[in-house]
C-alpha cells in the first residue's frame, strides 16, 4: 500500500502539483516492532511505542519517495504547536518553504512529546487543519472502505456508497462504524475532518487508499471515486477563527446571561463584563475559554479572554465605566469579537 501511495504522490508531484502527506501509524508501527499484543492504554506506553515506530515509519516513506526522485521531510506537530498563534503561523511558513523547495512534507503528530491525551486517532483532524492553513486545493482522506456509506457496510450488506455530500450537516444521520484496535479514528473522525476542511474552504474526498490508483483518481477529480464533500461556499471561516474553533484548547469557561447570548449570536458583538454571570477554571489573560449560555447550560462559542480568572471575578456583571476605573489600561471587552467564534 505504501508503494502505491508513494508512486501516486511522485506522479502528482511530477505534474507540478504540491503534495503534503499527513500520516498516522507511529504508535501502530511501534506496537508491531515491539510485538505488543494490542494498543497500550497508559500515556507513557503510547509515547514510548510512538518513539520506537516514528523513525521507522518516516523511513518507509522516505525510501519509497527517494526511489522516485522525490525528496521528503519529516514534520512532527503537537496540539500545542497549533494552539499557540505564533507556532501555528510558523508551522505554515515551514511547510510553505518545504513546498517551494519541491519537498514533500511527511506530517505526523508528535505523540512522543504530547502532554494531552492522544485523541486524533488516524490524524484526520491534523490533516484537515494542515489543509486549511495551507489553503489546499483538495484534502484526500484515505481509509480502508470505498467512502461514506448510508450505513455501516460491515453490518448492513446493502448499504449504499454516498457519492457526494453538499452540506456537511447531511452526514450527521449516517451510521458510523467502530474504530480499529490500533487507531482511534475511523469514519467518524473522517467526517469530522471533512467538516473542518469544508468550513475552511477546502473540498474533501474520502476514498479507499488500499486500492491502487485511488489517490491519483481523487486528485484528478474523477467522480466515481469515493465520497466528495463540497467546500463551504467562500470558505467562510478565516484561518484564525478556524484555529481558534478547532485547535485552541480552552482553559476555563464564562457563563453569560440571555441578553449577552442573544447579542453574540445575532449581532456578532464583543462580550462585555456586564453580561457575564459566572466563570470556571484558573485561566490567564490570552487563554481560550468556552462561552456558555446560562439558559441552555451549553457552550455557544469560544474566545480569547482579555482577563484572567482572578480579575474577571471582580468585574463580571459590572458596566464598562467600572471596568475603566478599576483597569484603566485594559480593553473594554472581555472577549473581542475578532477573537470569538460561534460553535
C-alpha atoms as a PDB file:
ATOM      1  CA  UNK A   1       0.000   0.000   0.000  1.00  0.00           C
ATOM      2  CA  UNK A   2       2.838   2.408   0.814  1.00  0.00           C
ATOM      3  CA  UNK A   3       4.469   1.585  -2.505  1.00  0.00           C
ATOM      4  CA  UNK A   4       1.236   2.508  -4.256  1.00  0.00           C
ATOM      5  CA  UNK A   5       0.703   5.733  -2.311  1.00  0.00           C
ATOM      6  CA  UNK A   6       4.274   6.931  -2.810  1.00  0.00           C
ATOM      7  CA  UNK A   7       4.149   6.102  -6.506  1.00  0.00           C
ATOM      8  CA  UNK A   8       0.987   8.177  -6.862  1.00  0.00           C
ATOM      9  CA  UNK A   9       2.434  11.057  -4.812  1.00  0.00           C
ATOM     10  CA  UNK A  10       5.504  11.081  -7.068  1.00  0.00           C
ATOM     11  CA  UNK A  11       3.285  11.129 -10.168  1.00  0.00           C
ATOM     12  CA  UNK A  12       1.245  14.036  -8.801  1.00  0.00           C
ATOM     13  CA  UNK A  13       4.438  15.914  -7.951  1.00  0.00           C
ATOM     14  CA  UNK A  14       5.721  15.165 -11.451  1.00  0.00           C
ATOM     15  CA  UNK A  15       2.747  17.064 -12.862  1.00  0.00           C
ATOM     16  CA  UNK A  16       3.821  20.116 -10.900  1.00  0.00           C
ATOM     17  CA  UNK A  17       1.337  19.975  -8.037  1.00  0.00           C
ATOM     18  CA  UNK A  18       2.422  20.335  -4.406  1.00  0.00           C
ATOM     19  CA  UNK A  19       1.669  17.443  -2.085  1.00  0.00           C
ATOM     20  CA  UNK A  20       1.667  17.300   1.705  1.00  0.00           C
ATOM     21  CA  UNK A  21       1.287  13.813   3.152  1.00  0.00           C
ATOM     22  CA  UNK A  22      -0.180  13.526   6.653  1.00  0.00           C
ATOM     23  CA  UNK A  23       0.331  10.073   8.103  1.00  0.00           C
ATOM     24  CA  UNK A  24      -0.650   8.177  11.183  1.00  0.00           C
ATOM     25  CA  UNK A  25       0.898   4.907  12.243  1.00  0.00           C
ATOM     26  CA  UNK A  26       3.846   5.694  14.530  1.00  0.00           C
ATOM     27  CA  UNK A  27       2.209   4.060  17.538  1.00  0.00           C
ATOM     28  CA  UNK A  28       0.870   1.157  15.477  1.00  0.00           C
ATOM     29  CA  UNK A  29       4.323   0.615  13.938  1.00  0.00           C
ATOM     30  CA  UNK A  30       5.925   0.684  17.372  1.00  0.00           C
ATOM     31  CA  UNK A  31       3.399  -1.892  18.582  1.00  0.00           C
ATOM     32  CA  UNK A  32       4.384  -4.157  15.686  1.00  0.00           C
ATOM     33  CA  UNK A  33       8.122  -3.713  16.205  1.00  0.00           C
ATOM     34  CA  UNK A  34       7.786  -4.376  19.943  1.00  0.00           C
ATOM     35  CA  UNK A  35       5.471  -7.351  19.342  1.00  0.00           C
ATOM     36  CA  UNK A  36       2.894  -6.000  21.790  1.00  0.00           C
ATOM     37  CA  UNK A  37      -0.446  -7.785  21.923  1.00  0.00           C
ATOM     38  CA  UNK A  38      -2.519  -4.621  21.473  1.00  0.00           C
ATOM     39  CA  UNK A  39      -2.648  -0.861  21.803  1.00  0.00           C
ATOM     40  CA  UNK A  40      -1.367   0.314  25.229  1.00  0.00           C
ATOM     41  CA  UNK A  41      -3.631   2.438  27.406  1.00  0.00           C
ATOM     42  CA  UNK A  42      -1.046   4.253  29.541  1.00  0.00           C
ATOM     43  CA  UNK A  43       0.253   7.557  28.172  1.00  0.00           C
ATOM     44  CA  UNK A  44       3.920   6.717  28.733  1.00  0.00           C
ATOM     45  CA  UNK A  45       3.494   3.402  26.925  1.00  0.00           C
ATOM     46  CA  UNK A  46       1.775   5.124  23.975  1.00  0.00           C
ATOM     47  CA  UNK A  47       4.560   7.674  23.769  1.00  0.00           C
ATOM     48  CA  UNK A  48       7.251   5.009  24.032  1.00  0.00           C
ATOM     49  CA  UNK A  49       5.620   2.981  21.259  1.00  0.00           C
ATOM     50  CA  UNK A  50       5.491   6.121  19.137  1.00  0.00           C
ATOM     51  CA  UNK A  51       9.190   6.776  19.779  1.00  0.00           C
ATOM     52  CA  UNK A  52      10.019   3.276  18.521  1.00  0.00           C
ATOM     53  CA  UNK A  53       7.796   3.490  15.472  1.00  0.00           C
ATOM     54  CA  UNK A  54       8.235   7.092  14.306  1.00  0.00           C
ATOM     55  CA  UNK A  55      11.666   6.851  12.688  1.00  0.00           C
ATOM     56  CA  UNK A  56      10.864   3.538  11.026  1.00  0.00           C
ATOM     57  CA  UNK A  57       7.596   4.962   9.683  1.00  0.00           C
ATOM     58  CA  UNK A  58       9.264   8.008   8.142  1.00  0.00           C
ATOM     59  CA  UNK A  59      11.991   5.882   6.575  1.00  0.00           C
ATOM     60  CA  UNK A  60       9.304   3.778   4.936  1.00  0.00           C
ATOM     61  CA  UNK A  61       8.016   6.871   3.122  1.00  0.00           C
ATOM     62  CA  UNK A  62      11.415   8.462   2.561  1.00  0.00           C
ATOM     63  CA  UNK A  63      12.948   5.415   0.895  1.00  0.00           C
ATOM     64  CA  UNK A  64       9.986   4.864  -1.407  1.00  0.00           C
ATOM     65  CA  UNK A  65       9.817   8.505  -2.468  1.00  0.00           C
ATOM     66  CA  UNK A  66      13.588   8.706  -2.908  1.00  0.00           C
ATOM     67  CA  UNK A  67      13.468   5.813  -5.379  1.00  0.00           C
ATOM     68  CA  UNK A  68      11.142   8.013  -7.412  1.00  0.00           C
ATOM     69  CA  UNK A  69      13.434  11.063  -7.172  1.00  0.00           C
ATOM     70  CA  UNK A  70      11.210  12.865  -4.663  1.00  0.00           C
ATOM     71  CA  UNK A  71      12.735  14.326  -1.509  1.00  0.00           C
ATOM     72  CA  UNK A  72      10.769  14.057   1.726  1.00  0.00           C
ATOM     73  CA  UNK A  73      10.967  15.918   5.040  1.00  0.00           C
ATOM     74  CA  UNK A  74       9.651  14.796   8.421  1.00  0.00           C
ATOM     75  CA  UNK A  75       7.454  17.386  10.179  1.00  0.00           C
ATOM     76  CA  UNK A  76       6.215  16.473  13.669  1.00  0.00           C
ATOM     77  CA  UNK A  77       3.488  18.614  15.197  1.00  0.00           C
ATOM     78  CA  UNK A  78       1.753  18.569  18.564  1.00  0.00           C
ATOM     79  CA  UNK A  79      -1.545  20.112  19.528  1.00  0.00           C
ATOM     80  CA  UNK A  80       0.454  22.815  21.319  1.00  0.00           C
ATOM     81  CA  UNK A  81       2.116  23.720  18.018  1.00  0.00           C
ATOM     82  CA  UNK A  82      -1.239  24.736  16.581  1.00  0.00           C
ATOM     83  CA  UNK A  83      -2.761  26.020  19.814  1.00  0.00           C
ATOM     84  CA  UNK A  84      -0.407  28.997  20.028  1.00  0.00           C
ATOM     85  CA  UNK A  85      -0.873  31.528  17.250  1.00  0.00           C
ATOM     86  CA  UNK A  86       2.851  32.157  16.696  1.00  0.00           C
ATOM     87  CA  UNK A  87       3.528  28.407  16.460  1.00  0.00           C
ATOM     88  CA  UNK A  88       0.608  27.993  14.084  1.00  0.00           C
ATOM     89  CA  UNK A  89       1.963  30.635  11.718  1.00  0.00           C
ATOM     90  CA  UNK A  90       5.477  29.232  11.976  1.00  0.00           C
ATOM     91  CA  UNK A  91       4.230  25.758  11.047  1.00  0.00           C
ATOM     92  CA  UNK A  92       2.564  27.220   7.960  1.00  0.00           C
ATOM     93  CA  UNK A  93       5.698  29.100   6.928  1.00  0.00           C
ATOM     94  CA  UNK A  94       7.852  25.993   7.365  1.00  0.00           C
ATOM     95  CA  UNK A  95       5.522  23.861   5.246  1.00  0.00           C
ATOM     96  CA  UNK A  96       5.327  26.545   2.575  1.00  0.00           C
ATOM     97  CA  UNK A  97       9.127  26.764   2.453  1.00  0.00           C
ATOM     98  CA  UNK A  98       9.422  22.994   2.009  1.00  0.00           C
ATOM     99  CA  UNK A  99       6.925  23.098  -0.840  1.00  0.00           C
ATOM    100  CA  UNK A 100       8.850  25.903  -2.541  1.00  0.00           C
ATOM    101  CA  UNK A 101      11.906  23.636  -2.339  1.00  0.00           C
ATOM    102  CA  UNK A 102       9.916  20.865  -4.075  1.00  0.00           C
ATOM    103  CA  UNK A 103       9.978  18.723  -0.942  1.00  0.00           C
ATOM    104  CA  UNK A 104       7.054  16.526   0.164  1.00  0.00           C
ATOM    105  CA  UNK A 105       6.437  17.116   3.898  1.00  0.00           C
ATOM    106  CA  UNK A 106       5.529  13.942   5.788  1.00  0.00           C
ATOM    107  CA  UNK A 107       3.480  15.310   8.686  1.00  0.00           C
ATOM    108  CA  UNK A 108       2.608  13.378  11.815  1.00  0.00           C
ATOM    109  CA  UNK A 109       1.523  14.218  15.318  1.00  0.00           C
ATOM    110  CA  UNK A 110       4.468  14.188  17.702  1.00  0.00           C
ATOM    111  CA  UNK A 111       2.949  11.640  20.064  1.00  0.00           C
ATOM    112  CA  UNK A 112       6.269  11.200  21.875  1.00  0.00           C
ATOM    113  CA  UNK A 113       6.161  14.648  23.480  1.00  0.00           C
ATOM    114  CA  UNK A 114       2.426  15.390  23.515  1.00  0.00           C
ATOM    115  CA  UNK A 115       1.155  16.073  27.023  1.00  0.00           C
ATOM    116  CA  UNK A 116      -2.560  15.860  26.265  1.00  0.00           C
ATOM    117  CA  UNK A 117      -4.300  12.546  25.697  1.00  0.00           C
ATOM    118  CA  UNK A 118      -3.717  11.347  22.149  1.00  0.00           C
ATOM    119  CA  UNK A 119      -7.193  11.664  20.641  1.00  0.00           C
ATOM    120  CA  UNK A 120      -6.713  12.350  16.931  1.00  0.00           C
ATOM    121  CA  UNK A 121      -6.690   8.676  16.001  1.00  0.00           C
ATOM    122  CA  UNK A 122      -5.587   8.472  12.394  1.00  0.00           C
ATOM    123  CA  UNK A 123      -4.603  12.156  12.372  1.00  0.00           C
ATOM    124  CA  UNK A 124      -7.634  13.178  10.345  1.00  0.00           C
ATOM    125  CA  UNK A 125      -8.010  16.309  12.463  1.00  0.00           C
ATOM    126  CA  UNK A 126      -4.379  17.188  11.862  1.00  0.00           C
ATOM    127  CA  UNK A 127      -4.770  16.621   8.115  1.00  0.00           C
ATOM    128  CA  UNK A 128      -7.796  18.925   7.965  1.00  0.00           C
ATOM    129  CA  UNK A 129      -6.005  21.605   9.936  1.00  0.00           C
ATOM    130  CA  UNK A 130      -2.929  21.431   7.694  1.00  0.00           C
ATOM    131  CA  UNK A 131      -5.156  21.589   4.596  1.00  0.00           C
ATOM    132  CA  UNK A 132      -6.858  24.680   5.970  1.00  0.00           C
ATOM    133  CA  UNK A 133      -3.726  26.538   6.990  1.00  0.00           C
ATOM    134  CA  UNK A 134      -2.159  25.887   3.558  1.00  0.00           C
ATOM    135  CA  UNK A 135      -5.409  26.678   1.665  1.00  0.00           C
ATOM    136  CA  UNK A 136      -5.071  23.371  -0.144  1.00  0.00           C
ATOM    137  CA  UNK A 137      -6.879  22.699  -3.402  1.00  0.00           C
ATOM    138  CA  UNK A 138      -8.086  19.361  -2.051  1.00  0.00           C
ATOM    139  CA  UNK A 139      -7.906  17.154   1.030  1.00  0.00           C
ATOM    140  CA  UNK A 140      -7.917  13.419   0.322  1.00  0.00           C
ATOM    141  CA  UNK A 141      -8.664  11.214   3.331  1.00  0.00           C
ATOM    142  CA  UNK A 142      -7.586   7.624   2.677  1.00  0.00           C
ATOM    143  CA  UNK A 143      -9.353   4.843   4.540  1.00  0.00           C
ATOM    144  CA  UNK A 144      -9.992   1.118   4.060  1.00  0.00           C
ATOM    145  CA  UNK A 145     -13.527   1.454   2.674  1.00  0.00           C
ATOM    146  CA  UNK A 146     -14.691   2.972  -0.588  1.00  0.00           C
ATOM    147  CA  UNK A 147     -16.057   6.106   1.114  1.00  0.00           C
ATOM    148  CA  UNK A 148     -19.004   7.150   3.274  1.00  0.00           C
ATOM    149  CA  UNK A 149     -21.917   4.724   3.188  1.00  0.00           C
ATOM    150  CA  UNK A 150     -25.587   5.160   4.097  1.00  0.00           C
ATOM    151  CA  UNK A 151     -24.957   2.687   6.947  1.00  0.00           C
ATOM    152  CA  UNK A 152     -22.077   0.613   8.288  1.00  0.00           C
ATOM    153  CA  UNK A 153     -21.361  -1.760   5.353  1.00  0.00           C
ATOM    154  CA  UNK A 154     -19.871  -4.335   7.705  1.00  0.00           C
ATOM    155  CA  UNK A 155     -23.278  -4.791   9.319  1.00  0.00           C
ATOM    156  CA  UNK A 156     -25.645  -3.702   6.540  1.00  0.00           C
ATOM    157  CA  UNK A 157     -24.779  -5.546   3.302  1.00  0.00           C
ATOM    158  CA  UNK A 158     -26.994  -3.356   1.104  1.00  0.00           C
ATOM    159  CA  UNK A 159     -25.582  -0.067   2.422  1.00  0.00           C
ATOM    160  CA  UNK A 160     -25.032   2.385  -0.432  1.00  0.00           C
ATOM    161  CA  UNK A 161     -21.964   4.474  -1.145  1.00  0.00           C
ATOM    162  CA  UNK A 162     -22.715   8.196  -0.935  1.00  0.00           C
ATOM    163  CA  UNK A 163     -21.059   9.814  -3.929  1.00  0.00           C
ATOM    164  CA  UNK A 164     -21.338  13.443  -2.900  1.00  0.00           C
ATOM    165  CA  UNK A 165     -22.241  15.450   0.181  1.00  0.00           C
ATOM    166  CA  UNK A 166     -23.211  19.049  -0.498  1.00  0.00           C
ATOM    167  CA  UNK A 167     -23.785  20.045   3.125  1.00  0.00           C
ATOM    168  CA  UNK A 168     -21.670  18.521   5.882  1.00  0.00           C
ATOM    169  CA  UNK A 169     -24.755  18.513   8.107  1.00  0.00           C
ATOM    170  CA  UNK A 170     -26.150  15.739   5.898  1.00  0.00           C
ATOM    171  CA  UNK A 171     -23.749  13.220   7.399  1.00  0.00           C
ATOM    172  CA  UNK A 172     -24.996  13.691  10.966  1.00  0.00           C
ATOM    173  CA  UNK A 173     -27.626  10.983  10.404  1.00  0.00           C
ATOM    174  CA  UNK A 174     -25.240   8.436   8.858  1.00  0.00           C
ATOM    175  CA  UNK A 175     -24.497   5.360  10.954  1.00  0.00           C
ATOM    176  CA  UNK A 176     -20.799   5.290  11.815  1.00  0.00           C
ATOM    177  CA  UNK A 177     -18.809   2.108  12.329  1.00  0.00           C
ATOM    178  CA  UNK A 178     -16.326   1.271  15.076  1.00  0.00           C
ATOM    179  CA  UNK A 179     -12.677   2.260  15.215  1.00  0.00           C
ATOM    180  CA  UNK A 180      -9.812  -0.196  14.772  1.00  0.00           C
ATOM    181  CA  UNK A 181      -7.756  -1.746  17.559  1.00  0.00           C
ATOM    182  CA  UNK A 182      -4.648   0.227  16.571  1.00  0.00           C
ATOM    183  CA  UNK A 183      -6.145   3.660  15.890  1.00  0.00           C
ATOM    184  CA  UNK A 184      -8.783   5.864  17.445  1.00  0.00           C
ATOM    185  CA  UNK A 185     -10.067   7.306  14.209  1.00  0.00           C
ATOM    186  CA  UNK A 186     -12.385   5.501  11.836  1.00  0.00           C
ATOM    187  CA  UNK A 187     -15.118   7.031   9.698  1.00  0.00           C
ATOM    188  CA  UNK A 188     -16.330   9.316  12.475  1.00  0.00           C
ATOM    189  CA  UNK A 189     -13.007  11.152  12.534  1.00  0.00           C
ATOM    190  CA  UNK A 190     -13.002  11.268   8.713  1.00  0.00           C
ATOM    191  CA  UNK A 191     -16.374  13.001   8.765  1.00  0.00           C
ATOM    192  CA  UNK A 192     -15.255  15.459  11.448  1.00  0.00           C
ATOM    193  CA  UNK A 193     -12.141  16.239   9.417  1.00  0.00           C
ATOM    194  CA  UNK A 194     -14.276  16.756   6.316  1.00  0.00           C
ATOM    195  CA  UNK A 195     -16.410  19.288   8.163  1.00  0.00           C
ATOM    196  CA  UNK A 196     -13.339  21.184   9.352  1.00  0.00           C
ATOM    197  CA  UNK A 197     -11.767  21.286   5.895  1.00  0.00           C
ATOM    198  CA  UNK A 198     -15.053  22.194   4.226  1.00  0.00           C
ATOM    199  CA  UNK A 199     -15.561  25.077   6.617  1.00  0.00           C
ATOM    200  CA  UNK A 200     -12.104  26.401   5.741  1.00  0.00           C
ATOM    201  CA  UNK A 201     -12.940  26.284   2.035  1.00  0.00           C
ATOM    202  CA  UNK A 202     -11.149  23.039   1.177  1.00  0.00           C
ATOM    203  CA  UNK A 203     -13.131  20.294  -0.631  1.00  0.00           C
ATOM    204  CA  UNK A 204     -12.609  16.715   0.515  1.00  0.00           C
ATOM    205  CA  UNK A 205     -12.589  13.226  -0.971  1.00  0.00           C
ATOM    206  CA  UNK A 206     -12.910  10.234   1.369  1.00  0.00           C
ATOM    207  CA  UNK A 207     -11.793   7.129  -0.516  1.00  0.00           C
ATOM    208  CA  UNK A 208     -10.144   3.718  -0.302  1.00  0.00           C
ATOM    209  CA  UNK A 209      -6.370   4.044  -0.011  1.00  0.00           C
ATOM    210  CA  UNK A 210      -5.850   0.289  -0.268  1.00  0.00           C
ATOM    211  CA  UNK A 211      -6.955   0.305  -3.931  1.00  0.00           C
ATOM    212  CA  UNK A 212      -4.095   1.233  -6.324  1.00  0.00           C
ATOM    213  CA  UNK A 213      -4.677   4.463  -8.234  1.00  0.00           C
ATOM    214  CA  UNK A 214      -7.434   5.786  -5.993  1.00  0.00           C
ATOM    215  CA  UNK A 215      -5.412   8.735  -4.694  1.00  0.00           C
ATOM    216  CA  UNK A 216      -4.433   9.869  -8.191  1.00  0.00           C
ATOM    217  CA  UNK A 217      -8.026   9.459  -9.384  1.00  0.00           C
ATOM    218  CA  UNK A 218      -9.328  11.553  -6.494  1.00  0.00           C
ATOM    219  CA  UNK A 219      -6.773  14.288  -7.206  1.00  0.00           C
ATOM    220  CA  UNK A 220      -7.727  14.217 -10.899  1.00  0.00           C
ATOM    221  CA  UNK A 221     -11.360  14.818  -9.980  1.00  0.00           C
ATOM    222  CA  UNK A 222     -12.852  11.536 -11.149  1.00  0.00           C
ATOM    223  CA  UNK A 223     -16.470  11.417  -9.967  1.00  0.00           C
ATOM    224  CA  UNK A 224     -16.629   7.658  -9.456  1.00  0.00           C
ATOM    225  CA  UNK A 225     -14.022   7.678  -6.676  1.00  0.00           C
ATOM    226  CA  UNK A 226     -15.077   7.785  -3.029  1.00  0.00           C
ATOM    227  CA  UNK A 227     -17.285  10.356  -1.368  1.00  0.00           C
ATOM    228  CA  UNK A 228     -16.827  14.019  -2.246  1.00  0.00           C
ATOM    229  CA  UNK A 229     -17.617  16.699   0.331  1.00  0.00           C
ATOM    230  CA  UNK A 230     -18.099  20.163  -1.098  1.00  0.00           C
ATOM    231  CA  UNK A 231     -16.320  23.111   0.469  1.00  0.00           C
ATOM    232  CA  UNK A 232     -18.430  25.705   2.223  1.00  0.00           C
ATOM    233  CA  UNK A 233     -19.049  28.446  -0.305  1.00  0.00           C
ATOM    234  CA  UNK A 234     -16.428  31.139   0.012  1.00  0.00           C
ATOM    235  CA  UNK A 235     -14.581  29.331   2.795  1.00  0.00           C
ATOM    236  CA  UNK A 236     -16.446  31.491   5.280  1.00  0.00           C
ATOM    237  CA  UNK A 237     -14.212  30.802   8.287  1.00  0.00           C
ATOM    238  CA  UNK A 238     -10.905  32.727   8.233  1.00  0.00           C
ATOM    239  CA  UNK A 239      -7.751  30.826   9.274  1.00  0.00           C
ATOM    240  CA  UNK A 240      -7.550  32.474  12.706  1.00  0.00           C
ATOM    241  CA  UNK A 241     -11.149  31.576  13.549  1.00  0.00           C
ATOM    242  CA  UNK A 242     -10.588  28.044  12.288  1.00  0.00           C
ATOM    243  CA  UNK A 243      -7.532  27.743  14.529  1.00  0.00           C
ATOM    244  CA  UNK A 244      -9.487  29.139  17.475  1.00  0.00           C
ATOM    245  CA  UNK A 245     -12.524  26.937  16.864  1.00  0.00           C
ATOM    246  CA  UNK A 246     -10.784  23.609  16.393  1.00  0.00           C
ATOM    247  CA  UNK A 247      -7.210  23.863  17.712  1.00  0.00           C
ATOM    248  CA  UNK A 248      -7.041  26.220  20.667  1.00  0.00           C
ATOM    249  CA  UNK A 249      -7.768  24.339  23.885  1.00  0.00           C
ATOM    250  CA  UNK A 250      -9.965  26.169  26.439  1.00  0.00           C
ATOM    251  CA  UNK A 251      -8.593  26.703  29.933  1.00  0.00           C
ATOM    252  CA  UNK A 252     -11.926  27.627  31.509  1.00  0.00           C
ATOM    253  CA  UNK A 253     -15.419  28.889  30.823  1.00  0.00           C
ATOM    254  CA  UNK A 254     -17.566  32.000  31.148  1.00  0.00           C
ATOM    255  CA  UNK A 255     -21.296  31.802  31.836  1.00  0.00           C
ATOM    256  CA  UNK A 256     -23.312  34.610  30.241  1.00  0.00           C
ATOM    257  CA  UNK A 257     -26.877  35.834  30.595  1.00  0.00           C
ATOM    258  CA  UNK A 258     -29.614  35.580  27.979  1.00  0.00           C
ATOM    259  CA  UNK A 259     -29.080  39.103  26.672  1.00  0.00           C
ATOM    260  CA  UNK A 260     -25.365  38.620  26.092  1.00  0.00           C
ATOM    261  CA  UNK A 261     -26.001  35.261  24.408  1.00  0.00           C
ATOM    262  CA  UNK A 262     -28.534  36.849  22.058  1.00  0.00           C
ATOM    263  CA  UNK A 263     -26.151  39.669  21.120  1.00  0.00           C
ATOM    264  CA  UNK A 264     -23.287  37.271  20.418  1.00  0.00           C
ATOM    265  CA  UNK A 265     -25.481  35.071  18.237  1.00  0.00           C
ATOM    266  CA  UNK A 266     -27.327  37.763  16.321  1.00  0.00           C
ATOM    267  CA  UNK A 267     -25.059  40.837  16.201  1.00  0.00           C
ATOM    268  CA  UNK A 268     -21.539  39.444  16.292  1.00  0.00           C
ATOM    269  CA  UNK A 269     -20.629  41.924  19.022  1.00  0.00           C
ATOM    270  CA  UNK A 270     -17.894  41.647  21.628  1.00  0.00           C
ATOM    271  CA  UNK A 271     -18.551  40.160  25.059  1.00  0.00           C
ATOM    272  CA  UNK A 272     -18.651  42.762  27.846  1.00  0.00           C
ATOM    273  CA  UNK A 273     -18.253  42.153  31.558  1.00  0.00           C
ATOM    274  CA  UNK A 274     -21.844  43.179  32.299  1.00  0.00           C
ATOM    275  CA  UNK A 275     -23.168  40.099  30.511  1.00  0.00           C
ATOM    276  CA  UNK A 276     -21.069  37.581  32.479  1.00  0.00           C
ATOM    277  CA  UNK A 277     -22.692  35.914  35.489  1.00  0.00           C
ATOM    278  CA  UNK A 278     -20.093  33.287  36.432  1.00  0.00           C
ATOM    279  CA  UNK A 279     -16.728  31.788  35.461  1.00  0.00           C
ATOM    280  CA  UNK A 280     -14.961  28.460  35.937  1.00  0.00           C
ATOM    281  CA  UNK A 281     -11.311  27.472  35.718  1.00  0.00           C
ATOM    282  CA  UNK A 282      -7.939  29.047  36.525  1.00  0.00           C
ATOM    283  CA  UNK A 283      -7.318  30.782  33.201  1.00  0.00           C
ATOM    284  CA  UNK A 284      -4.971  33.669  32.418  1.00  0.00           C
ATOM    285  CA  UNK A 285      -5.231  36.636  30.023  1.00  0.00           C
ATOM    286  CA  UNK A 286      -4.815  35.310  26.491  1.00  0.00           C
ATOM    287  CA  UNK A 287      -6.243  31.873  27.280  1.00  0.00           C
ATOM    288  CA  UNK A 288      -9.190  30.466  25.382  1.00  0.00           C
ATOM    289  CA  UNK A 289     -12.442  29.947  27.263  1.00  0.00           C
ATOM    290  CA  UNK A 290     -15.798  28.420  26.479  1.00  0.00           C
ATOM    291  CA  UNK A 291     -18.675  30.890  26.449  1.00  0.00           C
ATOM    292  CA  UNK A 292     -21.690  29.149  27.993  1.00  0.00           C
ATOM    293  CA  UNK A 293     -25.314  30.258  27.681  1.00  0.00           C
ATOM    294  CA  UNK A 294     -26.880  30.254  31.148  1.00  0.00           C
ATOM    295  CA  UNK A 295     -30.279  29.410  29.676  1.00  0.00           C
ATOM    296  CA  UNK A 296     -29.218  26.193  27.943  1.00  0.00           C
ATOM    297  CA  UNK A 297     -26.077  25.496  30.026  1.00  0.00           C
ATOM    298  CA  UNK A 298     -24.273  24.694  26.755  1.00  0.00           C
ATOM    299  CA  UNK A 299     -21.312  26.397  25.064  1.00  0.00           C
ATOM    300  CA  UNK A 300     -22.318  28.735  22.259  1.00  0.00           C
ATOM    301  CA  UNK A 301     -18.783  29.754  21.347  1.00  0.00           C
ATOM    302  CA  UNK A 302     -15.141  30.019  22.229  1.00  0.00           C
ATOM    303  CA  UNK A 303     -12.980  33.108  22.609  1.00  0.00           C
ATOM    304  CA  UNK A 304      -9.745  34.562  23.901  1.00  0.00           C
ATOM    305  CA  UNK A 305     -10.204  36.232  27.283  1.00  0.00           C
ATOM    306  CA  UNK A 306      -8.524  39.586  27.873  1.00  0.00           C
ATOM    307  CA  UNK A 307      -8.695  38.967  31.637  1.00  0.00           C
ATOM    308  CA  UNK A 308      -7.575  36.203  33.949  1.00  0.00           C
ATOM    309  CA  UNK A 309      -9.978  34.418  36.269  1.00  0.00           C
ATOM    310  CA  UNK A 310      -8.949  36.457  39.349  1.00  0.00           C
ATOM    311  CA  UNK A 311      -9.534  39.859  37.747  1.00  0.00           C
ATOM    312  CA  UNK A 312     -12.667  38.692  35.995  1.00  0.00           C
ATOM    313  CA  UNK A 313     -14.232  37.785  39.318  1.00  0.00           C
ATOM    314  CA  UNK A 314     -14.021  41.476  40.272  1.00  0.00           C
ATOM    315  CA  UNK A 315     -15.605  42.864  37.127  1.00  0.00           C
ATOM    316  CA  UNK A 316     -18.184  40.353  35.880  1.00  0.00           C
ATOM    317  CA  UNK A 317     -21.681  41.765  35.932  1.00  0.00           C
ATOM    318  CA  UNK A 318     -20.273  45.315  36.058  1.00  0.00           C
ATOM    319  CA  UNK A 319     -20.711  48.017  33.455  1.00  0.00           C
ATOM    320  CA  UNK A 320     -17.858  49.360  31.348  1.00  0.00           C
ATOM    321  CA  UNK A 321     -17.446  52.504  33.495  1.00  0.00           C
ATOM    322  CA  UNK A 322     -16.499  50.359  36.472  1.00  0.00           C
ATOM    323  CA  UNK A 323     -14.043  48.382  34.380  1.00  0.00           C
ATOM    324  CA  UNK A 324     -12.338  51.536  33.075  1.00  0.00           C
ATOM    325  CA  UNK A 325     -11.996  52.815  36.630  1.00  0.00           C
ATOM    326  CA  UNK A 326     -10.501  49.631  38.050  1.00  0.00           C
ATOM    327  CA  UNK A 327      -8.477  48.580  34.991  1.00  0.00           C
ATOM    328  CA  UNK A 328      -7.713  51.755  33.037  1.00  0.00           C
ATOM    329  CA  UNK A 329      -5.082  50.067  30.850  1.00  0.00           C
ATOM    330  CA  UNK A 330      -7.276  47.114  29.905  1.00  0.00           C
ATOM    331  CA  UNK A 331      -9.667  46.876  26.938  1.00  0.00           C
ATOM    332  CA  UNK A 332     -13.385  47.422  27.403  1.00  0.00           C
ATOM    333  CA  UNK A 333     -14.206  43.937  26.144  1.00  0.00           C
ATOM    334  CA  UNK A 334     -13.652  40.704  27.994  1.00  0.00           C
ATOM    335  CA  UNK A 335     -13.638  38.940  24.610  1.00  0.00           C
ATOM    336  CA  UNK A 336     -13.283  40.997  21.430  1.00  0.00           C
ATOM    337  CA  UNK A 337     -15.487  39.926  18.539  1.00  0.00           C
ATOM    338  CA  UNK A 338     -12.411  39.343  16.357  1.00  0.00           C
ATOM    339  CA  UNK A 339     -11.214  36.780  18.891  1.00  0.00           C
ATOM    340  CA  UNK A 340     -14.504  34.932  19.294  1.00  0.00           C
ATOM    341  CA  UNK A 341     -16.098  32.186  17.212  1.00  0.00           C
ATOM    342  CA  UNK A 342     -19.612  30.763  17.392  1.00  0.00           C
ATOM    343  CA  UNK A 343     -19.905  26.988  17.569  1.00  0.00           C
END
